[in-house]
Amino acid sequence: QVRLVESGGGLVQAGGSLRVSCAASGLTFSGYTMGWFRQAPGKEREIVATVSYSGGTTYYADSVKGRFTISRDNAKNTMYLEMNSLNPEDTAVYYCAASPYGGRWLRRELEYVYWGQGTQVTVSR
């Protein structure tokens, strides 16, 4: 059974930092492109960042470029999202997802086959 479990969300003040993690089990982690999505209240879920199988290639949404860093540790079956200079517009539930595809920026939800339950990130003014 595949499980993706996010952790590390919470409440942070604007300008602060937070790191969320995604622990994977039940799959060959290094064989999946991993991605972070987020969904703010009243909005559709959107891509945040993705990381390739080896971690060597990353992609970011324009809204987080330069502030967020995605990474993975295949030895620990874990993916991370380091978030800096947070602002209230970053408030959302953050989801990790796994895709069997690669070689391009996987921005669409339908390209991902496994999803975590989400972790709430709230940025106060």
PDB file of N, CA and C in Angstrom:
ATOM      1  N   GLN A   1       0.832  -1.188   0.000  1.00  0.00           N
ATOM      2  CA  GLN A   1       0.000   0.000   0.000  1.00  0.00           C
ATOM      3  C   GLN A   1       0.875   1.249   0.000  1.00  0.00           C
ATOM      4  N   VAL A   2       0.630   2.131  -0.950  1.00  0.00           N
ATOM      5  CA  VAL A   2       1.416   3.355  -1.050  1.00  0.00           C
ATOM      6  C   VAL A   2       0.874   4.392  -0.075  1.00  0.00           C
ATOM      7  N   ARG A   3       1.795   5.022   0.632  1.00  0.00           N
ATOM      8  CA  ARG A   3       1.416   6.108   1.535  1.00  0.00           C
ATOM      9  C   ARG A   3       2.361   7.277   1.344  1.00  0.00           C
ATOM     10  N   LEU A   4       1.786   8.456   1.261  1.00  0.00           N
ATOM     11  CA  LEU A   4       2.538   9.705   1.282  1.00  0.00           C
ATOM     12  C   LEU A   4       2.017  10.506   2.473  1.00  0.00           C
ATOM     13  N   VAL A   5       2.906  10.847   3.378  1.00  0.00           N
ATOM     14  CA  VAL A   5       2.487  11.516   4.602  1.00  0.00           C
ATOM     15  C   VAL A   5       3.247  12.827   4.750  1.00  0.00           C
ATOM     16  N   GLU A   6       2.511  13.930   4.697  1.00  0.00           N
ATOM     17  CA  GLU A   6       3.113  15.249   4.874  1.00  0.00           C
ATOM     18  C   GLU A   6       3.202  15.593   6.354  1.00  0.00           C
ATOM     19  N   SER A   7       4.187  16.402   6.673  1.00  0.00           N
ATOM     20  CA  SER A   7       4.332  16.906   8.039  1.00  0.00           C
ATOM     21  C   SER A   7       5.078  18.228   8.004  1.00  0.00           C
ATOM     22  N   GLY A   8       5.031  18.950   9.123  1.00  0.00           N
ATOM     23  CA  GLY A   8       5.796  20.175   9.243  1.00  0.00           C
ATOM     24  C   GLY A   8       5.016  21.450   9.015  1.00  0.00           C
ATOM     25  N   GLY A   9       3.749  21.328   8.660  1.00  0.00           N
ATOM     26  CA  GLY A   9       2.949  22.533   8.485  1.00  0.00           C
ATOM     27  C   GLY A   9       2.707  23.225   9.818  1.00  0.00           C
ATOM     28  N   GLY A  10       2.167  24.432   9.747  1.00  0.00           N
ATOM     29  CA  GLY A  10       1.870  25.156  10.973  1.00  0.00           C
ATOM     30  C   GLY A  10       1.604  26.614  10.700  1.00  0.00           C
ATOM     31  N   LEU A  11       1.681  27.395  11.769  1.00  0.00           N
ATOM     32  CA  LEU A  11       1.422  28.831  11.703  1.00  0.00           C
ATOM     33  C   LEU A  11       2.746  29.573  11.786  1.00  0.00           C
ATOM     34  N   VAL A  12       2.943  30.523  10.878  1.00  0.00           N
ATOM     35  CA  VAL A  12       4.177  31.291  10.857  1.00  0.00           C
ATOM     36  C   VAL A  12       3.837  32.731  10.489  1.00  0.00           C
ATOM     37  N   GLN A  13       4.632  33.654  10.973  1.00  0.00           N
ATOM     38  CA  GLN A  13       4.413  35.059  10.644  1.00  0.00           C
ATOM     39  C   GLN A  13       4.966  35.382   9.259  1.00  0.00           C
ATOM     40  N   ALA A  14       4.392  36.391   8.653  1.00  0.00           N
ATOM     41  CA  ALA A  14       4.876  36.836   7.350  1.00  0.00           C
ATOM     42  C   ALA A  14       6.366  37.159   7.433  1.00  0.00           C
ATOM     43  N   GLY A  15       7.089  36.717   6.413  1.00  0.00           N
ATOM     44  CA  GLY A  15       8.527  36.895   6.397  1.00  0.00           C
ATOM     45  C   GLY A  15       9.294  35.728   6.987  1.00  0.00           C
ATOM     46  N   GLY A  16       8.563  34.826   7.612  1.00  0.00           N
ATOM     47  CA  GLY A  16       9.199  33.695   8.260  1.00  0.00           C
ATOM     48  C   GLY A  16       9.447  32.536   7.317  1.00  0.00           C
ATOM     49  N   SER A  17       9.919  31.436   7.915  1.00  0.00           N
ATOM     50  CA  SER A  17      10.282  30.243   7.148  1.00  0.00           C
ATOM     51  C   SER A  17       9.634  29.011   7.749  1.00  0.00           C
ATOM     52  N   LEU A  18       9.490  28.010   6.909  1.00  0.00           N
ATOM     53  CA  LEU A  18       8.905  26.741   7.343  1.00  0.00           C
ATOM     54  C   LEU A  18       9.393  25.660   6.387  1.00  0.00           C
ATOM     55  N   ARG A  19       9.566  24.457   6.908  1.00  0.00           N
ATOM     56  CA  ARG A  19       9.906  23.327   6.054  1.00  0.00           C
ATOM     57  C   ARG A  19       8.862  22.232   6.232  1.00  0.00           C
ATOM     58  N   VAL A  20       8.310  21.814   5.122  1.00  0.00           N
ATOM     59  CA  VAL A  20       7.386  20.689   5.147  1.00  0.00           C
ATOM     60  C   VAL A  20       8.056  19.480   4.525  1.00  0.00           C
ATOM     61  N   SER A  21       7.672  18.308   4.995  1.00  0.00           N
ATOM     62  CA  SER A  21       8.256  17.061   4.531  1.00  0.00           C
ATOM     63  C   SER A  21       7.175  16.120   4.027  1.00  0.00           C
ATOM     64  N   CYS A  22       7.594  15.195   3.191  1.00  0.00           N
ATOM     65  CA  CYS A  22       6.686  14.168   2.678  1.00  0.00           C
ATOM     66  C   CYS A  22       7.403  12.825   2.761  1.00  0.00           C
ATOM     67  N   ALA A  23       6.936  11.966   3.622  1.00  0.00           N
ATOM     68  CA  ALA A  23       7.528  10.643   3.786  1.00  0.00           C
ATOM     69  C   ALA A  23       6.733   9.632   2.966  1.00  0.00           C
ATOM     70  N   ALA A  24       7.436   8.888   2.142  1.00  0.00           N
ATOM     71  CA  ALA A  24       6.778   7.939   1.238  1.00  0.00           C
ATOM     72  C   ALA A  24       7.078   6.512   1.660  1.00  0.00           C
ATOM     73  N   SER A  25       6.114   5.632   1.445  1.00  0.00           N
ATOM     74  CA  SER A  25       6.307   4.214   1.697  1.00  0.00           C
ATOM     75  C   SER A  25       5.442   3.420   0.727  1.00  0.00           C
ATOM     76  N   GLY A  26       5.847   2.189   0.480  1.00  0.00           N
ATOM     77  CA  GLY A  26       5.072   1.313  -0.386  1.00  0.00           C
ATOM     78  C   GLY A  26       5.321   1.502  -1.872  1.00  0.00           C
ATOM     79  N   LEU A  27       6.307   2.284  -2.230  1.00  0.00           N
ATOM     80  CA  LEU A  27       6.645   2.490  -3.636  1.00  0.00           C
ATOM     81  C   LEU A  27       8.153   2.626  -3.760  1.00  0.00           C
ATOM     82  N   THR A  28       8.654   2.424  -4.977  1.00  0.00           N
ATOM     83  CA  THR A  28      10.077   2.639  -5.244  1.00  0.00           C
ATOM     84  C   THR A  28      10.267   4.137  -5.432  1.00  0.00           C
ATOM     85  N   PHE A  29      10.582   4.800  -4.350  1.00  0.00           N
ATOM     86  CA  PHE A  29      10.556   6.263  -4.294  1.00  0.00           C
ATOM     87  C   PHE A  29      11.384   6.894  -5.411  1.00  0.00           C
ATOM     88  N   SER A  30      12.571   6.337  -5.663  1.00  0.00           N
ATOM     89  CA  SER A  30      13.476   6.938  -6.655  1.00  0.00           C
ATOM     90  C   SER A  30      12.958   6.788  -8.079  1.00  0.00           C
ATOM     91  N   GLY A  31      11.894   6.044  -8.254  1.00  0.00           N
ATOM     92  CA  GLY A  31      11.312   5.864  -9.579  1.00  0.00           C
ATOM     93  C   GLY A  31      10.177   6.815  -9.895  1.00  0.00           C
ATOM     94  N   TYR A  32       9.976   7.806  -9.020  1.00  0.00           N
ATOM     95  CA  TYR A  32       8.867   8.739  -9.184  1.00  0.00           C
ATOM     96  C   TYR A  32       9.344  10.172  -9.160  1.00  0.00           C
ATOM     97  N   THR A  33       8.826  10.955 -10.085  1.00  0.00           N
ATOM     98  CA  THR A  33       8.914  12.404  -9.947  1.00  0.00           C
ATOM     99  C   THR A  33       7.995  12.804  -8.796  1.00  0.00           C
ATOM    100  N   MET A  34       8.475  13.701  -7.974  1.00  0.00           N
ATOM    101  CA  MET A  34       7.683  14.140  -6.820  1.00  0.00           C
ATOM    102  C   MET A  34       7.327  15.614  -6.971  1.00  0.00           C
ATOM    103  N   GLY A  35       6.159  15.948  -6.482  1.00  0.00           N
ATOM    104  CA  GLY A  35       5.715  17.332  -6.592  1.00  0.00           C
ATOM    105  C   GLY A  35       4.997  17.814  -5.344  1.00  0.00           C
ATOM    106  N   TRP A  36       5.031  19.111  -5.165  1.00  0.00           N
ATOM    107  CA  TRP A  36       4.236  19.776  -4.131  1.00  0.00           C
ATOM    108  C   TRP A  36       3.160  20.602  -4.825  1.00  0.00           C
ATOM    109  N   PHE A  37       1.938  20.443  -4.364  1.00  0.00           N
ATOM    110  CA  PHE A  37       0.814  21.258  -4.793  1.00  0.00           C
ATOM    111  C   PHE A  37       0.275  21.985  -3.558  1.00  0.00           C
ATOM    112  N   ARG A  38      -0.542  23.000  -3.792  1.00  0.00           N
ATOM    113  CA  ARG A  38      -1.204  23.659  -2.674  1.00  0.00           C
ATOM    114  C   ARG A  38      -2.591  24.116  -3.085  1.00  0.00           C
ATOM    115  N   GLN A  39      -3.457  24.213  -2.097  1.00  0.00           N
ATOM    116  CA  GLN A  39      -4.815  24.674  -2.343  1.00  0.00           C
ATOM    117  C   GLN A  39      -5.210  25.652  -1.255  1.00  0.00           C
ATOM    118  N   ALA A  40      -5.441  26.873  -1.676  1.00  0.00           N
ATOM    119  CA  ALA A  40      -5.880  27.915  -0.757  1.00  0.00           C
ATOM    120  C   ALA A  40      -7.408  27.898  -0.673  1.00  0.00           C
ATOM    121  N   PRO A  41      -7.970  28.435   0.382  1.00  0.00           N
ATOM    122  CA  PRO A  41      -9.426  28.449   0.532  1.00  0.00           C
ATOM    123  C   PRO A  41     -10.107  29.123  -0.660  1.00  0.00           C
ATOM    124  N   GLY A  42     -11.078  28.450  -1.241  1.00  0.00           N
ATOM    125  CA  GLY A  42     -11.829  29.009  -2.346  1.00  0.00           C
ATOM    126  C   GLY A  42     -11.115  28.996  -3.686  1.00  0.00           C
ATOM    127  N   LYS A  43      -9.952  28.382  -3.724  1.00  0.00           N
ATOM    128  CA  LYS A  43      -9.182  28.349  -4.976  1.00  0.00           C
ATOM    129  C   LYS A  43      -8.912  26.916  -5.401  1.00  0.00           C
ATOM    130  N   GLU A  44      -8.543  26.761  -6.657  1.00  0.00           N
ATOM    131  CA  GLU A  44      -8.184  25.453  -7.164  1.00  0.00           C
ATOM    132  C   GLU A  44      -6.787  25.063  -6.701  1.00  0.00           C
ATOM    133  N   ARG A  45      -6.544  23.758  -6.660  1.00  0.00           N
ATOM    134  CA  ARG A  45      -5.212  23.281  -6.305  1.00  0.00           C
ATOM    135  C   ARG A  45      -4.239  23.660  -7.425  1.00  0.00           C
ATOM    136  N   GLU A  46      -3.044  24.093  -7.026  1.00  0.00           N
ATOM    137  CA  GLU A  46      -2.063  24.545  -8.001  1.00  0.00           C
ATOM    138  C   GLU A  46      -0.702  23.920  -7.721  1.00  0.00           C
ATOM    139  N   ILE A  47       0.077  23.804  -8.779  1.00  0.00           N
ATOM    140  CA  ILE A  47       1.426  23.266  -8.642  1.00  0.00           C
ATOM    141  C   ILE A  47       2.297  24.305  -7.928  1.00  0.00           C
ATOM    142  N   VAL A  48       3.211  23.803  -7.102  1.00  0.00           N
ATOM    143  CA  VAL A  48       4.177  24.658  -6.428  1.00  0.00           C
ATOM    144  C   VAL A  48       5.581  24.375  -6.967  1.00  0.00           C
ATOM    145  N   ALA A  49       5.964  23.101  -6.932  1.00  0.00           N
ATOM    146  CA  ALA A  49       7.307  22.734  -7.366  1.00  0.00           C
ATOM    147  C   ALA A  49       7.365  21.230  -7.615  1.00  0.00           C
ATOM    148  N   THR A  50       8.324  20.829  -8.443  1.00  0.00           N
ATOM    149  CA  THR A  50       8.541  19.407  -8.686  1.00  0.00           C
ATOM    150  C   THR A  50      10.032  19.106  -8.676  1.00  0.00           C
ATOM    151  N   VAL A  51      10.349  17.844  -8.401  1.00  0.00           N
ATOM    152  CA  VAL A  51      11.741  17.407  -8.385  1.00  0.00           C
ATOM    153  C   VAL A  51      11.833  16.070  -9.109  1.00  0.00           C
ATOM    154  N   SER A  52      12.866  15.915  -9.922  1.00  0.00           N
ATOM    155  CA  SER A  52      13.029  14.720 -10.730  1.00  0.00           C
ATOM    156  C   SER A  52      13.437  13.527  -9.883  1.00  0.00           C
ATOM    157  N   TYR A  53      13.490  12.359 -10.528  1.00  0.00           N
ATOM    158  CA  TYR A  53      13.799  11.112  -9.823  1.00  0.00           C
ATOM    159  C   TYR A  53      15.043  11.223  -8.934  1.00  0.00           C
ATOM    160  N   SER A  54      16.100  11.777  -9.493  1.00  0.00           N
ATOM    161  CA  SER A  54      17.379  11.838  -8.782  1.00  0.00           C
ATOM    162  C   SER A  54      17.515  13.083  -7.933  1.00  0.00           C
ATOM    163  N   GLY A  55      16.622  14.039  -8.158  1.00  0.00           N
ATOM    164  CA  GLY A  55      16.722  15.317  -7.459  1.00  0.00           C
ATOM    165  C   GLY A  55      17.517  16.344  -8.229  1.00  0.00           C
ATOM    166  N   GLY A  56      18.025  15.975  -9.387  1.00  0.00           N
ATOM    167  CA  GLY A  56      18.889  16.882 -10.122  1.00  0.00           C
ATOM    168  C   GLY A  56      18.175  17.978 -10.890  1.00  0.00           C
ATOM    169  N   THR A  57      16.889  17.790 -11.149  1.00  0.00           N
ATOM    170  CA  THR A  57      16.124  18.790 -11.899  1.00  0.00           C
ATOM    171  C   THR A  57      14.914  19.218 -11.077  1.00  0.00           C
ATOM    172  N   THR A  58      14.747  20.518 -10.964  1.00  0.00           N
ATOM    173  CA  THR A  58      13.611  21.057 -10.216  1.00  0.00           C
ATOM    174  C   THR A  58      12.891  22.110 -11.049  1.00  0.00           C
ATOM    175  N   TYR A  59      11.620  22.262 -10.785  1.00  0.00           N
ATOM    176  CA  TYR A  59      10.811  23.292 -11.422  1.00  0.00           C
ATOM    177  C   TYR A  59       9.991  23.980 -10.332  1.00  0.00           C
ATOM    178  N   TYR A  60       9.740  25.284 -10.555  1.00  0.00           N
ATOM    179  CA  TYR A  60       8.990  26.057  -9.583  1.00  0.00           C
ATOM    180  C   TYR A  60       7.934  26.923 -10.264  1.00  0.00           C
ATOM    181  N   ALA A  61       6.815  27.088  -9.602  1.00  0.00           N
ATOM    182  CA  ALA A  61       5.847  28.075 -10.049  1.00  0.00           C
ATOM    183  C   ALA A  61       6.451  29.467  -9.876  1.00  0.00           C
ATOM    184  N   ASP A  62       6.066  30.379 -10.735  1.00  0.00           N
ATOM    185  CA  ASP A  62       6.624  31.734 -10.679  1.00  0.00           C
ATOM    186  C   ASP A  62       6.385  32.387  -9.324  1.00  0.00           C
ATOM    187  N   SER A  63       5.269  32.053  -8.697  1.00  0.00           N
ATOM    188  CA  SER A  63       4.900  32.705  -7.441  1.00  0.00           C
ATOM    189  C   SER A  63       5.818  32.339  -6.282  1.00  0.00           C
ATOM    190  N   VAL A  64       6.562  31.235  -6.412  1.00  0.00           N
ATOM    191  CA  VAL A  64       7.418  30.810  -5.306  1.00  0.00           C
ATOM    192  C   VAL A  64       8.897  30.798  -5.686  1.00  0.00           C
ATOM    193  N   LYS A  65       9.194  31.050  -6.945  1.00  0.00           N
ATOM    194  CA  LYS A  65      10.571  30.994  -7.419  1.00  0.00           C
ATOM    195  C   LYS A  65      11.445  31.969  -6.632  1.00  0.00           C
ATOM    196  N   GLY A  66      12.585  31.463  -6.184  1.00  0.00           N
ATOM    197  CA  GLY A  66      13.493  32.300  -5.412  1.00  0.00           C
ATOM    198  C   GLY A  66      13.217  32.299  -3.919  1.00  0.00           C
ATOM    199  N   ARG A  67      12.055  31.779  -3.513  1.00  0.00           N
ATOM    200  CA  ARG A  67      11.703  31.732  -2.089  1.00  0.00           C
ATOM    201  C   ARG A  67      11.608  30.299  -1.564  1.00  0.00           C
ATOM    202  N   PHE A  68      11.167  29.389  -2.401  1.00  0.00           N
ATOM    203  CA  PHE A  68      10.980  27.992  -2.006  1.00  0.00           C
ATOM    204  C   PHE A  68      12.052  27.123  -2.642  1.00  0.00           C
ATOM    205  N   THR A  69      12.424  26.058  -1.940  1.00  0.00           N
ATOM    206  CA  THR A  69      13.383  25.085  -2.463  1.00  0.00           C
ATOM    207  C   THR A  69      12.847  23.683  -2.232  1.00  0.00           C
ATOM    208  N   ILE A  70      12.723  22.938  -3.309  1.00  0.00           N
ATOM    209  CA  ILE A  70      12.285  21.552  -3.229  1.00  0.00           C
ATOM    210  C   ILE A  70      13.514  20.650  -3.286  1.00  0.00           C
ATOM    211  N   SER A  71      13.469  19.570  -2.525  1.00  0.00           N
ATOM    212  CA  SER A  71      14.568  18.613  -2.536  1.00  0.00           C
ATOM    213  C   SER A  71      14.038  17.247  -2.132  1.00  0.00           C
ATOM    214  N   ARG A  72      14.877  16.251  -2.300  1.00  0.00           N
ATOM    215  CA  ARG A  72      14.496  14.903  -1.914  1.00  0.00           C
ATOM    216  C   ARG A  72      15.709  14.134  -1.434  1.00  0.00           C
ATOM    217  N   ASP A  73      15.458  13.153  -0.592  1.00  0.00           N
ATOM    218  CA  ASP A  73      16.491  12.249  -0.104  1.00  0.00           C
ATOM    219  C   ASP A  73      15.997  10.841  -0.395  1.00  0.00           C
ATOM    220  N   ASN A  74      16.490  10.257  -1.468  1.00  0.00           N
ATOM    221  CA  ASN A  74      15.996   8.934  -1.869  1.00  0.00           C
ATOM    222  C   ASN A  74      16.375   7.842  -0.873  1.00  0.00           C
ATOM    223  N   ALA A  75      17.442   8.056  -0.133  1.00  0.00           N
ATOM    224  CA  ALA A  75      17.837   7.067   0.883  1.00  0.00           C
ATOM    225  C   ALA A  75      16.831   7.044   2.037  1.00  0.00           C
ATOM    226  N   LYS A  76      16.149   8.164   2.254  1.00  0.00           N
ATOM    227  CA  LYS A  76      15.171   8.258   3.340  1.00  0.00           C
ATOM    228  C   LYS A  76      13.728   8.233   2.826  1.00  0.00           C
ATOM    229  N   ASN A  77      13.564   8.096   1.497  1.00  0.00           N
ATOM    230  CA  ASN A  77      12.210   8.110   0.909  1.00  0.00           C
ATOM    231  C   ASN A  77      11.425   9.334   1.337  1.00  0.00           C
ATOM    232  N   THR A  78      12.095  10.468   1.316  1.00  0.00           N
ATOM    233  CA  THR A  78      11.474  11.695   1.814  1.00  0.00           C
ATOM    234  C   THR A  78      11.739  12.863   0.875  1.00  0.00           C
ATOM    235  N   MET A  79      10.728  13.709   0.732  1.00  0.00           N
ATOM    236  CA  MET A  79      10.843  14.935  -0.050  1.00  0.00           C
ATOM    237  C   MET A  79      10.598  16.121   0.880  1.00  0.00           C
ATOM    238  N   TYR A  80      11.212  17.236   0.536  1.00  0.00           N
ATOM    239  CA  TYR A  80      11.106  18.420   1.383  1.00  0.00           C
ATOM    240  C   TYR A  80      10.708  19.640   0.553  1.00  0.00           C
ATOM    241  N   LEU A  81      10.141  20.608   1.254  1.00  0.00           N
ATOM    242  CA  LEU A  81       9.902  21.917   0.661  1.00  0.00           C
ATOM    243  C   LEU A  81      10.292  22.957   1.696  1.00  0.00           C
ATOM    244  N   GLU A  82      11.391  23.633   1.435  1.00  0.00           N
ATOM    245  CA  GLU A  82      11.851  24.705   2.310  1.00  0.00           C
ATOM    246  C   GLU A  82      11.216  25.993   1.813  1.00  0.00           C
ATOM    247  N   MET A  83      10.490  26.667   2.697  1.00  0.00           N
ATOM    248  CA  MET A  83       9.758  27.872   2.313  1.00  0.00           C
ATOM    249  C   MET A  83      10.279  29.063   3.107  1.00  0.00           C
ATOM    250  N   ASN A  84      10.771  30.050   2.406  1.00  0.00           N
ATOM    251  CA  ASN A  84      11.300  31.261   3.022  1.00  0.00           C
ATOM    252  C   ASN A  84      10.512  32.483   2.553  1.00  0.00           C
ATOM    253  N   SER A  85      10.679  33.571   3.276  1.00  0.00           N
ATOM    254  CA  SER A  85       9.994  34.823   2.946  1.00  0.00           C
ATOM    255  C   SER A  85       8.506  34.587   2.706  1.00  0.00           C
ATOM    256  N   LEU A  86       7.911  33.853   3.596  1.00  0.00           N
ATOM    257  CA  LEU A  86       6.493  33.513   3.437  1.00  0.00           C
ATOM    258  C   LEU A  86       5.613  34.747   3.558  1.00  0.00           C
ATOM    259  N   ASN A  87       4.545  34.755   2.802  1.00  0.00           N
ATOM    260  CA  ASN A  87       3.569  35.830   2.872  1.00  0.00           C
ATOM    261  C   ASN A  87       2.173  35.227   2.994  1.00  0.00           C
ATOM    262  N   PRO A  88       1.187  36.015   3.379  1.00  0.00           N
ATOM    263  CA  PRO A  88      -0.162  35.466   3.603  1.00  0.00           C
ATOM    264  C   PRO A  88      -0.735  34.755   2.378  1.00  0.00           C
ATOM    265  N   GLU A  89      -0.297  35.137   1.182  1.00  0.00           N
ATOM    266  CA  GLU A  89      -0.787  34.474  -0.030  1.00  0.00           C
ATOM    267  C   GLU A  89      -0.285  33.040  -0.157  1.00  0.00           C
ATOM    268  N   ASP A  90       0.674  32.663   0.672  1.00  0.00           N
ATOM    269  CA  ASP A  90       1.164  31.280   0.687  1.00  0.00           C
ATOM    270  C   ASP A  90       0.309  30.385   1.582  1.00  0.00           C
ATOM    271  N   THR A  91      -0.637  30.946   2.280  1.00  0.00           N
ATOM    272  CA  THR A  91      -1.518  30.160   3.146  1.00  0.00           C
ATOM    273  C   THR A  91      -2.333  29.172   2.306  1.00  0.00           C
ATOM    274  N   ALA A  92      -2.218  27.901   2.662  1.00  0.00           N
ATOM    275  CA  ALA A  92      -2.886  26.857   1.877  1.00  0.00           C
ATOM    276  C   ALA A  92      -2.649  25.510   2.551  1.00  0.00           C
ATOM    277  N   VAL A  93      -3.370  24.517   2.061  1.00  0.00           N
ATOM    278  CA  VAL A  93      -3.030  23.137   2.396  1.00  0.00           C
ATOM    279  C   VAL A  93      -2.030  22.674   1.343  1.00  0.00           C
ATOM    280  N   TYR A  94      -0.916  22.146   1.819  1.00  0.00           N
ATOM    281  CA  TYR A  94       0.149  21.710   0.928  1.00  0.00           C
ATOM    282  C   TYR A  94       0.097  20.187   0.809  1.00  0.00           C
ATOM    283  N   TYR A  95       0.094  19.720  -0.450  1.00  0.00           N
ATOM    284  CA  TYR A  95       0.006  18.294  -0.740  1.00  0.00           C
ATOM    285  C   TYR A  95       1.255  17.819  -1.468  1.00  0.00           C
ATOM    286  N   CYS A  96       1.717  16.631  -1.114  1.00  0.00           N
ATOM    287  CA  CYS A  96       2.764  16.014  -1.921  1.00  0.00           C
ATOM    288  C   CYS A  96       2.125  14.962  -2.817  1.00  0.00           C
ATOM    289  N   ALA A  97       2.777  14.733  -3.943  1.00  0.00           N
ATOM    290  CA  ALA A  97       2.242  13.804  -4.929  1.00  0.00           C
ATOM    291  C   ALA A  97       3.379  13.132  -5.673  1.00  0.00           C
ATOM    292  N   ALA A  98       3.101  11.936  -6.174  1.00  0.00           N
ATOM    293  CA  ALA A  98       4.097  11.143  -6.887  1.00  0.00           C
ATOM    294  C   ALA A  98       3.608  10.823  -8.290  1.00  0.00           C
ATOM    295  N   SER A  99       4.514  10.990  -9.258  1.00  0.00           N
ATOM    296  CA  SER A  99       4.188  10.706 -10.654  1.00  0.00           C
ATOM    297  C   SER A  99       5.186   9.713 -11.237  1.00  0.00           C
ATOM    298  N   PRO A 100       4.700   8.743 -12.017  1.00  0.00           N
ATOM    299  CA  PRO A 100       5.622   7.794 -12.651  1.00  0.00           C
ATOM    300  C   PRO A 100       6.283   8.368 -13.906  1.00  0.00           C
ATOM    301  N   TYR A 101       5.905   9.564 -14.300  1.00  0.00           N
ATOM    302  CA  TYR A 101       6.438  10.181 -15.505  1.00  0.00           C
ATOM    303  C   TYR A 101       7.646  11.047 -15.178  1.00  0.00           C
ATOM    304  N   GLY A 102       8.355  11.460 -16.218  1.00  0.00           N
ATOM    305  CA  GLY A 102       9.494  12.325 -16.004  1.00  0.00           C
ATOM    306  C   GLY A 102       9.912  12.987 -17.292  1.00  0.00           C
ATOM    307  N   GLY A 103      11.016  13.705 -17.233  1.00  0.00           N
ATOM    308  CA  GLY A 103      11.562  14.317 -18.432  1.00  0.00           C
ATOM    309  C   GLY A 103      10.977  15.656 -18.800  1.00  0.00           C
ATOM    310  N   ARG A 104      10.023  16.130 -18.047  1.00  0.00           N
ATOM    311  CA  ARG A 104       9.425  17.445 -18.315  1.00  0.00           C
ATOM    312  C   ARG A 104       8.800  17.936 -17.016  1.00  0.00           C
ATOM    313  N   TRP A 105       8.327  19.207 -17.032  1.00  0.00           N
ATOM    314  CA  TRP A 105       7.685  19.753 -15.839  1.00  0.00           C
ATOM    315  C   TRP A 105       6.260  19.228 -15.758  1.00  0.00           C
ATOM    316  N   LEU A 106       5.987  18.437 -14.764  1.00  0.00           N
ATOM    317  CA  LEU A 106       4.683  17.811 -14.584  1.00  0.00           C
ATOM    318  C   LEU A 106       3.827  18.733 -13.733  1.00  0.00           C
ATOM    319  N   ARG A 107       3.053  19.563 -14.389  1.00  0.00           N
ATOM    320  CA  ARG A 107       2.290  20.593 -13.683  1.00  0.00           C
ATOM    321  C   ARG A 107       0.835  20.212 -13.422  1.00  0.00           C
ATOM    322  N   ARG A 108       0.376  19.161 -14.078  1.00  0.00           N
ATOM    323  CA  ARG A 108      -1.048  18.828 -13.998  1.00  0.00           C
ATOM    324  C   ARG A 108      -1.320  17.724 -12.981  1.00  0.00           C
ATOM    325  N   GLU A 109      -2.396  17.898 -12.251  1.00  0.00           N
ATOM    326  CA  GLU A 109      -2.753  16.921 -11.221  1.00  0.00           C
ATOM    327  C   GLU A 109      -2.917  15.526 -11.797  1.00  0.00           C
ATOM    328  N   LEU A 110      -3.468  15.425 -12.998  1.00  0.00           N
ATOM    329  CA  LEU A 110      -3.751  14.114 -13.564  1.00  0.00           C
ATOM    330  C   LEU A 110      -2.494  13.321 -13.880  1.00  0.00           C
ATOM    331  N   GLU A 111      -1.349  13.970 -13.841  1.00  0.00           N
ATOM    332  CA  GLU A 111      -0.090  13.272 -14.096  1.00  0.00           C
ATOM    333  C   GLU A 111       0.456  12.578 -12.845  1.00  0.00           C
ATOM    334  N   TYR A 112      -0.214  12.790 -11.738  1.00  0.00           N
ATOM    335  CA  TYR A 112       0.227  12.219 -10.464  1.00  0.00           C
ATOM    336  C   TYR A 112      -0.734  11.122 -10.026  1.00  0.00           C
ATOM    337  N   VAL A 113      -0.167  10.027  -9.546  1.00  0.00           N
ATOM    338  CA  VAL A 113      -0.994   8.869  -9.225  1.00  0.00           C
ATOM    339  C   VAL A 113      -1.185   8.659  -7.725  1.00  0.00           C
ATOM    340  N   TYR A 114      -0.282   9.195  -6.936  1.00  0.00           N
ATOM    341  CA  TYR A 114      -0.396   9.041  -5.489  1.00  0.00           C
ATOM    342  C   TYR A 114      -0.360  10.424  -4.837  1.00  0.00           C
ATOM    343  N   TRP A 115      -1.178  10.592  -3.795  1.00  0.00           N
ATOM    344  CA  TRP A 115      -1.304  11.868  -3.109  1.00  0.00           C
ATOM    345  C   TRP A 115      -1.275  11.670  -1.600  1.00  0.00           C
ATOM    346  N   GLY A 116      -0.727  12.663  -0.924  1.00  0.00           N
ATOM    347  CA  GLY A 116      -0.813  12.689   0.524  1.00  0.00           C
ATOM    348  C   GLY A 116      -2.101  13.352   0.971  1.00  0.00           C
ATOM    349  N   GLN A 117      -2.289  13.406   2.280  1.00  0.00           N
ATOM    350  CA  GLN A 117      -3.524  13.952   2.833  1.00  0.00           C
ATOM    351  C   GLN A 117      -3.458  15.464   3.033  1.00  0.00           C
ATOM    352  N   GLY A 118      -2.268  16.017   2.937  1.00  0.00           N
ATOM    353  CA  GLY A 118      -2.105  17.465   3.041  1.00  0.00           C
ATOM    354  C   GLY A 118      -1.703  17.930   4.418  1.00  0.00           C
ATOM    355  N   THR A 119      -1.011  19.062   4.460  1.00  0.00           N
ATOM    356  CA  THR A 119      -0.644  19.697   5.716  1.00  0.00           C
ATOM    357  C   THR A 119      -0.920  21.195   5.587  1.00  0.00           C
ATOM    358  N   GLN A 120      -1.506  21.766   6.625  1.00  0.00           N
ATOM    359  CA  GLN A 120      -1.913  23.169   6.574  1.00  0.00           C
ATOM    360  C   GLN A 120      -0.735  24.081   6.887  1.00  0.00           C
ATOM    361  N   VAL A 121      -0.554  25.080   6.033  1.00  0.00           N
ATOM    362  CA  VAL A 121       0.421  26.143   6.273  1.00  0.00           C
ATOM    363  C   VAL A 121      -0.352  27.457   6.329  1.00  0.00           C
ATOM    364  N   THR A 122      -0.217  28.158   7.431  1.00  0.00           N
ATOM    365  CA  THR A 122      -0.913  29.426   7.608  1.00  0.00           C
ATOM    366  C   THR A 122       0.108  30.510   7.898  1.00  0.00           C
ATOM    367  N   VAL A 123       0.066  31.572   7.099  1.00  0.00           N
ATOM    368  CA  VAL A 123       0.983  32.692   7.260  1.00  0.00           C
ATOM    369  C   VAL A 123       0.185  33.904   7.717  1.00  0.00           C
ATOM    370  N   SER A 124       0.507  34.395   8.894  1.00  0.00           N
ATOM    371  CA  SER A 124      -0.211  35.544   9.440  1.00  0.00           C
ATOM    372  C   SER A 124       0.490  36.837   9.052  1.00  0.00           C
ATOM    373  N   ARG A 125      -0.298  37.930   9.023  1.00  0.00           N
ATOM    374  CA  ARG A 125       0.257  39.225   8.636  1.00  0.00           C
ATOM    375  C   ARG A 125       1.065  39.824   9.778  1.00  0.00           C
TER     376      ARG A 125
END
